C-alpha atoms as a PDB file:
ATOM      1  CA  MET A   1     -64.370 -37.898 -33.809  1.00  0.00           C
ATOM      2  CA  THR A   2     -67.563 -37.450 -35.831  1.00  0.00           C
ATOM      3  CA  VAL A   3     -70.981 -37.397 -34.175  1.00  0.00           C
ATOM      4  CA  PRO A   4     -71.976 -40.839 -35.609  1.00  0.00           C
ATOM      5  CA  ALA A   5     -68.667 -42.238 -34.329  1.00  0.00           C
ATOM      6  CA  LYS A   6     -69.504 -40.902 -30.862  1.00  0.00           C
ATOM      7  CA  PHE A   7     -72.929 -42.560 -30.998  1.00  0.00           C
ATOM      8  CA  ILE A   8     -71.276 -45.824 -32.065  1.00  0.00           C
ATOM      9  CA  SER A   9     -68.772 -45.560 -29.200  1.00  0.00           C
ATOM     10  CA  VAL A  10     -71.531 -44.940 -26.660  1.00  0.00           C
ATOM     11  CA  TRP A  11     -73.536 -47.861 -28.105  1.00  0.00           C
ATOM     12  CA  LEU A  12     -70.511 -50.152 -27.766  1.00  0.00           C
ATOM     13  CA  LEU A  13     -69.917 -49.037 -24.176  1.00  0.00           C
ATOM     14  CA  LEU A  14     -73.578 -49.546 -23.252  1.00  0.00           C
ATOM     15  CA  PHE A  15     -73.619 -52.914 -25.005  1.00  0.00           C
ATOM     16  CA  ALA A  16     -70.503 -54.007 -23.096  1.00  0.00           C
ATOM     17  CA  ALA A  17     -72.078 -52.819 -19.829  1.00  0.00           C
ATOM     18  CA  ILE A  18     -75.266 -54.759 -20.586  1.00  0.00           C
ATOM     19  CA  PHE A  19     -73.234 -57.969 -20.695  1.00  0.00           C
ATOM     20  CA  ALA A  20     -70.627 -57.100 -18.057  1.00  0.00           C
ATOM     21  CA  HIS A  21     -72.947 -56.003 -15.252  1.00  0.00           C
ATOM     22  CA  PRO A  22     -74.915 -59.239 -14.777  1.00  0.00           C
ATOM     23  CA  LEU A  23     -71.744 -61.306 -15.173  1.00  0.00           C
ATOM     24  CA  LEU A  24     -69.748 -59.224 -12.688  1.00  0.00           C
ATOM     25  CA  THR A  25     -72.601 -59.210 -10.169  1.00  0.00           C
ATOM     26  CA  ALA A  26     -73.273 -62.941 -10.641  1.00  0.00           C
ATOM     27  CA  SER A  27     -76.891 -62.142 -11.463  1.00  0.00           C
ATOM     28  CA  SER A  28     -79.303 -65.006 -10.934  1.00  0.00           C
ATOM     29  CA  THR A  29     -81.433 -63.576 -13.768  1.00  0.00           C
ATOM     30  CA  LEU A  30     -78.737 -63.298 -16.448  1.00  0.00           C
ATOM     31  CA  GLY A  31     -80.981 -64.117 -19.412  1.00  0.00           C
ATOM     32  CA  SER A  32     -83.761 -61.819 -18.265  1.00  0.00           C
ATOM     33  CA  ASP A  33     -81.285 -58.978 -17.635  1.00  0.00           C
ATOM     34  CA  LEU A  34     -79.780 -59.338 -21.097  1.00  0.00           C
ATOM     35  CA  ILE A  35     -83.160 -59.564 -22.823  1.00  0.00           C
ATOM     36  CA  ARG A  36     -84.576 -56.495 -21.037  1.00  0.00           C
ATOM     37  CA  ASN A  37     -81.488 -54.339 -21.397  1.00  0.00           C
ATOM     38  CA  THR A  38     -80.863 -55.029 -25.076  1.00  0.00           C
ATOM     39  CA  ILE A  39     -84.402 -53.911 -25.941  1.00  0.00           C
ATOM     40  CA  ARG A  40     -83.871 -50.822 -23.814  1.00  0.00           C
ATOM     41  CA  LEU A  41     -80.713 -50.097 -25.808  1.00  0.00           C
ATOM     42  CA  ALA A  42     -82.700 -50.551 -29.025  1.00  0.00           C
ATOM     43  CA  LEU A  43     -85.323 -48.060 -27.830  1.00  0.00           C
ATOM     44  CA  LEU A  44     -82.638 -45.651 -26.643  1.00  0.00           C
ATOM     45  CA  TYR A  45     -81.355 -45.424 -30.225  1.00  0.00           C
ATOM     46  CA  TYR A  46     -84.758 -45.723 -31.917  1.00  0.00           C
ATOM     47  CA  ALA A  47     -85.954 -42.465 -30.349  1.00  0.00           C
ATOM     48  CA  PRO A  48     -83.205 -40.180 -31.756  1.00  0.00           C
ATOM     49  CA  ALA A  49     -83.323 -41.951 -35.120  1.00  0.00           C
ATOM     50  CA  ALA A  50     -87.069 -41.333 -35.456  1.00  0.00           C
ATOM     51  CA  ALA A  51     -86.717 -37.764 -34.161  1.00  0.00           C
ATOM     52  CA  LEU A  52     -83.925 -36.975 -36.626  1.00  0.00           C
ATOM     53  CA  LEU A  53     -85.981 -38.389 -39.489  1.00  0.00           C
ATOM     54  CA  LEU A  54     -88.939 -36.255 -38.442  1.00  0.00           C
ATOM     55  CA  LEU A  55     -86.713 -33.167 -38.314  1.00  0.00           C
ATOM     56  CA  SER A  56     -85.157 -33.834 -41.726  1.00  0.00           C
ATOM     57  CA  ARG A  57     -85.833 -31.721 -44.790  1.00  0.00           C
ATOM     58  CA  PRO A  58     -85.705 -32.752 -48.463  1.00  0.00           C
ATOM     59  CA  GLY A  59     -82.342 -31.014 -48.808  1.00  0.00           C
ATOM     60  CA  ASP A  60     -80.947 -33.186 -46.024  1.00  0.00           C
ATOM     61  CA  TRP A  61     -81.697 -36.282 -48.084  1.00  0.00           C
ATOM     62  CA  GLN A  62     -80.278 -34.835 -51.298  1.00  0.00           C
ATOM     63  CA  SER A  63     -76.956 -33.920 -49.688  1.00  0.00           C
ATOM     64  CA  PHE A  64     -76.865 -36.855 -47.252  1.00  0.00           C
ATOM     65  CA  SER A  65     -76.463 -34.284 -44.496  1.00  0.00           C
ATOM     66  CA  PRO A  66     -74.949 -34.905 -41.062  1.00  0.00           C
ATOM     67  CA  ARG A  67     -78.513 -35.183 -39.694  1.00  0.00           C
ATOM     68  CA  ILE A  68     -79.298 -38.001 -42.122  1.00  0.00           C
ATOM     69  CA  ARG A  69     -75.976 -39.747 -41.478  1.00  0.00           C
ATOM     70  CA  LEU A  70     -76.639 -39.638 -37.736  1.00  0.00           C
ATOM     71  CA  ALA A  71     -80.220 -40.863 -38.222  1.00  0.00           C
ATOM     72  CA  ARG A  72     -78.942 -43.796 -40.297  1.00  0.00           C
ATOM     73  CA  CYS A  73     -76.325 -44.594 -37.657  1.00  0.00           C
ATOM     74  CA  CYS A  74     -78.896 -44.582 -34.827  1.00  0.00           C
ATOM     75  CA  TRP A  75     -81.417 -46.516 -36.949  1.00  0.00           C
ATOM     76  CA  SER A  76     -78.836 -49.213 -37.720  1.00  0.00           C
ATOM     77  CA  LEU A  77     -77.595 -49.491 -34.116  1.00  0.00           C
ATOM     78  CA  SER A  78     -81.143 -49.636 -32.808  1.00  0.00           C
ATOM     79  CA  CYS A  79     -81.968 -52.459 -35.195  1.00  0.00           C
ATOM     80  CA  LEU A  80     -78.764 -54.309 -34.290  1.00  0.00           C
ATOM     81  CA  ALA A  81     -79.625 -54.096 -30.571  1.00  0.00           C
ATOM     82  CA  TYR A  82     -83.135 -55.325 -31.386  1.00  0.00           C
ATOM     83  CA  LEU A  83     -81.817 -58.313 -33.374  1.00  0.00           C
ATOM     84  CA  ILE A  84     -79.531 -59.223 -30.464  1.00  0.00           C
ATOM     85  CA  HIS A  85     -82.539 -58.888 -28.133  1.00  0.00           C
ATOM     86  CA  VAL A  86     -84.538 -61.325 -30.297  1.00  0.00           C
ATOM     87  CA  ALA A  87     -81.662 -63.828 -30.378  1.00  0.00           C
ATOM     88  CA  LEU A  88     -81.231 -63.589 -26.603  1.00  0.00           C
ATOM     89  CA  ALA A  89     -84.975 -64.012 -26.029  1.00  0.00           C
ATOM     90  CA  PHE A  90     -85.028 -67.137 -28.181  1.00  0.00           C
ATOM     91  CA  HIS A  91     -81.898 -68.477 -26.484  1.00  0.00           C
ATOM     92  CA  TYR A  92     -82.598 -67.775 -22.817  1.00  0.00           C
ATOM     93  CA  PHE A  93     -86.378 -67.644 -22.635  1.00  0.00           C
ATOM     94  CA  HIS A  94     -87.709 -69.822 -25.457  1.00  0.00           C
ATOM     95  CA  ARG A  95     -84.738 -72.247 -25.667  1.00  0.00           C
ATOM     96  CA  TRP A  96     -84.947 -71.929 -29.463  1.00  0.00           C
ATOM     97  CA  SER A  97     -88.486 -73.366 -29.471  1.00  0.00           C
ATOM     98  CA  HIS A  98     -90.908 -71.580 -31.751  1.00  0.00           C
ATOM     99  CA  ASP A  99     -93.766 -73.480 -30.094  1.00  0.00           C
ATOM    100  CA  HIS A 100     -92.732 -71.996 -26.742  1.00  0.00           C
ATOM    101  CA  ALA A 101     -92.579 -68.519 -28.293  1.00  0.00           C
ATOM    102  CA  MET A 102     -96.105 -68.979 -29.669  1.00  0.00           C
ATOM    103  CA  ALA A 103     -97.384 -70.252 -26.308  1.00  0.00           C
ATOM    104  CA  HIS A 104     -95.823 -67.246 -24.560  1.00  0.00           C
ATOM    105  CA  THR A 105     -97.389 -64.880 -27.114  1.00  0.00           C
ATOM    106  CA  ARG A 106    -100.775 -66.532 -26.501  1.00  0.00           C
ATOM    107  CA  GLU A 107    -100.302 -66.099 -22.744  1.00  0.00           C
ATOM    108  CA  VAL A 108     -99.295 -62.428 -22.993  1.00  0.00           C
ATOM    109  CA  ALA A 109    -101.365 -61.184 -25.929  1.00  0.00           C
ATOM    110  CA  GLY A 110    -104.144 -63.762 -26.168  1.00  0.00           C
ATOM    111  CA  TRP A 111    -103.209 -64.668 -29.741  1.00  0.00           C
ATOM    112  CA  ALA A 112    -100.376 -67.130 -30.433  1.00  0.00           C
ATOM    113  CA  GLU A 113    -100.134 -66.129 -34.093  1.00  0.00           C
ATOM    114  CA  GLY A 114     -99.167 -62.657 -32.924  1.00  0.00           C
ATOM    115  CA  ILE A 115     -95.605 -63.969 -32.937  1.00  0.00           C
ATOM    116  CA  PHE A 116     -95.728 -63.647 -36.727  1.00  0.00           C
ATOM    117  CA  VAL A 117     -96.346 -59.919 -36.347  1.00  0.00           C
ATOM    118  CA  SER A 118     -93.062 -59.820 -34.430  1.00  0.00           C
ATOM    119  CA  HIS A 119     -91.337 -61.858 -37.134  1.00  0.00           C
ATOM    120  CA  PHE A 120     -92.654 -59.491 -39.819  1.00  0.00           C
ATOM    121  CA  PHE A 121     -91.509 -56.503 -37.754  1.00  0.00           C
ATOM    122  CA  THR A 122     -88.012 -58.025 -37.518  1.00  0.00           C
ATOM    123  CA  LEU A 123     -87.930 -58.747 -41.241  1.00  0.00           C
ATOM    124  CA  ILE A 124     -89.032 -55.317 -42.440  1.00  0.00           C
ATOM    125  CA  TRP A 125     -86.825 -53.388 -40.019  1.00  0.00           C
ATOM    126  CA  THR A 126     -83.789 -55.441 -41.039  1.00  0.00           C
ATOM    127  CA  ALA A 127     -84.663 -55.011 -44.729  1.00  0.00           C
ATOM    128  CA  ASP A 128     -85.085 -51.269 -44.223  1.00  0.00           C
ATOM    129  CA  VAL A 129     -81.686 -50.925 -42.525  1.00  0.00           C
ATOM    130  CA  LEU A 130     -79.989 -53.008 -45.208  1.00  0.00           C
ATOM    131  CA  SER A 131     -81.613 -51.060 -48.038  1.00  0.00           C
ATOM    132  CA  TRP A 132     -80.536 -47.759 -46.464  1.00  0.00           C
ATOM    133  CA  ARG A 133     -76.989 -49.094 -46.096  1.00  0.00           C
ATOM    134  CA  LEU A 134     -76.715 -50.725 -49.525  1.00  0.00           C
ATOM    135  CA  TRP A 135     -78.720 -48.304 -51.689  1.00  0.00           C
ATOM    136  CA  PRO A 136     -78.762 -44.896 -49.923  1.00  0.00           C
ATOM    137  CA  ARG A 137     -79.690 -42.969 -53.088  1.00  0.00           C
ATOM    138  CA  TRP A 138     -82.709 -45.170 -53.766  1.00  0.00           C
ATOM    139  CA  TYR A 139     -83.650 -44.973 -50.084  1.00  0.00           C
ATOM    140  CA  ALA A 140     -83.548 -41.161 -50.158  1.00  0.00           C
ATOM    141  CA  LEU A 141     -85.771 -41.044 -53.255  1.00  0.00           C
ATOM    142  CA  ARG A 142     -88.290 -43.762 -52.417  1.00  0.00           C
ATOM    143  CA  SER A 143     -91.951 -42.885 -52.099  1.00  0.00           C
ATOM    144  CA  PRO A 144     -93.030 -41.257 -48.810  1.00  0.00           C
ATOM    145  CA  TRP A 145     -95.887 -43.765 -48.504  1.00  0.00           C
ATOM    146  CA  ILE A 146     -93.276 -46.504 -47.916  1.00  0.00           C
ATOM    147  CA  ASP A 147     -91.895 -44.544 -44.972  1.00  0.00           C
ATOM    148  CA  ARG A 148     -95.324 -43.730 -43.583  1.00  0.00           C
ATOM    149  CA  THR A 149     -96.458 -47.351 -43.789  1.00  0.00           C
ATOM    150  CA  LEU A 150     -93.218 -48.724 -42.363  1.00  0.00           C
ATOM    151  CA  HIS A 151     -92.926 -46.251 -39.505  1.00  0.00           C
ATOM    152  CA  GLY A 152     -96.637 -46.411 -38.700  1.00  0.00           C
ATOM    153  CA  PHE A 153     -96.471 -50.194 -38.377  1.00  0.00           C
ATOM    154  CA  MET A 154     -93.241 -50.037 -36.395  1.00  0.00           C
ATOM    155  CA  ALA A 155     -94.617 -47.369 -34.053  1.00  0.00           C
ATOM    156  CA  PHE A 156     -97.694 -49.544 -33.457  1.00  0.00           C
ATOM    157  CA  VAL A 157     -95.578 -52.584 -32.538  1.00  0.00           C
ATOM    158  CA  ILE A 158     -93.096 -50.594 -30.438  1.00  0.00           C
ATOM    159  CA  PHE A 159     -95.902 -48.765 -28.614  1.00  0.00           C
ATOM    160  CA  ASN A 160     -97.528 -52.069 -27.727  1.00  0.00           C
ATOM    161  CA  GLY A 161     -94.213 -53.582 -26.655  1.00  0.00           C
ATOM    162  CA  SER A 162     -93.025 -50.623 -24.599  1.00  0.00           C
ATOM    163  CA  VAL A 163     -96.283 -49.169 -23.246  1.00  0.00           C
ATOM    164  CA  VAL A 164     -99.240 -51.555 -23.481  1.00  0.00           C
ATOM    165  CA  PHE A 165     -97.501 -54.791 -22.427  1.00  0.00           C
ATOM    166  CA  GLU A 166     -94.910 -53.202 -20.097  1.00  0.00           C
ATOM    167  CA  SER A 167     -95.139 -51.687 -16.649  1.00  0.00           C
ATOM    168  CA  GLY A 168     -93.192 -49.410 -14.357  1.00  0.00           C
ATOM    169  CA  PRO A 169     -90.369 -47.175 -15.586  1.00  0.00           C
ATOM    170  CA  VAL A 170     -90.214 -48.813 -19.024  1.00  0.00           C
ATOM    171  CA  ARG A 171     -93.883 -47.996 -19.671  1.00  0.00           C
ATOM    172  CA  TRP A 172     -93.377 -44.370 -18.617  1.00  0.00           C
ATOM    173  CA  ALA A 173     -90.202 -44.012 -20.687  1.00  0.00           C
ATOM    174  CA  GLY A 174     -91.987 -45.520 -23.704  1.00  0.00           C
ATOM    175  CA  LEU A 175     -94.939 -43.203 -23.217  1.00  0.00           C
ATOM    176  CA  ALA A 176     -92.638 -40.176 -22.933  1.00  0.00           C
ATOM    177  CA  MET A 177     -90.846 -41.219 -26.116  1.00  0.00           C
ATOM    178  CA  PHE A 178     -94.122 -41.507 -28.034  1.00  0.00           C
ATOM    179  CA  VAL A 179     -95.469 -38.221 -26.718  1.00  0.00           C
ATOM    180  CA  GLY A 180     -92.236 -36.534 -27.848  1.00  0.00           C
ATOM    181  CA  LEU A 181     -92.343 -38.170 -31.288  1.00  0.00           C
ATOM    182  CA  ALA A 182     -96.056 -37.334 -31.689  1.00  0.00           C
ATOM    183  CA  GLY A 183     -95.209 -33.719 -30.880  1.00  0.00           C
ATOM    184  CA  LEU A 184     -92.551 -33.726 -33.605  1.00  0.00           C
ATOM    185  CA  VAL A 185     -95.048 -35.202 -36.084  1.00  0.00           C
ATOM    186  CA  LEU A 186     -97.535 -32.422 -35.299  1.00  0.00           C
ATOM    187  CA  VAL A 187     -94.874 -29.716 -35.581  1.00  0.00           C
ATOM    188  CA  ARG A 188     -93.704 -31.160 -38.898  1.00  0.00           C
ATOM    189  CA  TRP A 189     -97.221 -31.355 -40.316  1.00  0.00           C
ATOM    190  CA  ARG A 190     -97.920 -27.770 -39.301  1.00  0.00           C
ATOM    191  CA  GLN A 191     -94.691 -26.558 -40.905  1.00  0.00           C
ATOM    192  CA  THR A 192     -94.691 -28.497 -44.139  1.00  0.00           C
ATOM    193  CA  GLY A 193     -97.976 -30.317 -44.496  1.00  0.00           C
ATOM    194  CA  GLU A 194     -96.124 -33.622 -44.693  1.00  0.00           C
ATOM    195  CA  SER A 195     -93.513 -35.736 -43.010  1.00  0.00           C
ATOM    196  CA  ARG A 196     -90.999 -38.290 -44.212  1.00  0.00           C
ATOM    197  CA  VAL A 197     -91.809 -40.361 -41.146  1.00  0.00           C
ATOM    198  CA  ALA A 198     -95.438 -40.682 -40.017  1.00  0.00           C
END
């Protein structure tokens, strides 16, 4: 079994557990459990994807190396978990009401229109995954400024979602993830003077 296949298998097992546990324990907070745990799964796969991209070299992209294949696998699975998280949040929490989602965003962030930042985040991440899947050669050769802009924006949104607006273990895990990724960015800049992701 290849390494990406192992990551897919683990993702499927974790995804099944996310749904099975609250059902088997007759959780009174089913929707909340599913919403929280799917975003945790997304972050669990986001971290290695970003780390692998930071550790990649130009030759990795030219040969579509195992590192790049694994990064693409983790990036895709992370995005899929995130999309499921969004659907679950709209189903269980917002009852498919965009007005409710805006009111909740106003309550949490003080700015109802901030929901459109989340929509844009969802759109560009999905587009990025699809472009990497459909046109891997173009993706490997695209301008580094696209990656820097995309990943900078995504890191900003994820940092706010996992550190600023969270508490407890999730906040500490998010902070640890960002400290680790920031360390990789610094190491990469010192080694090469640039980074594909930053």
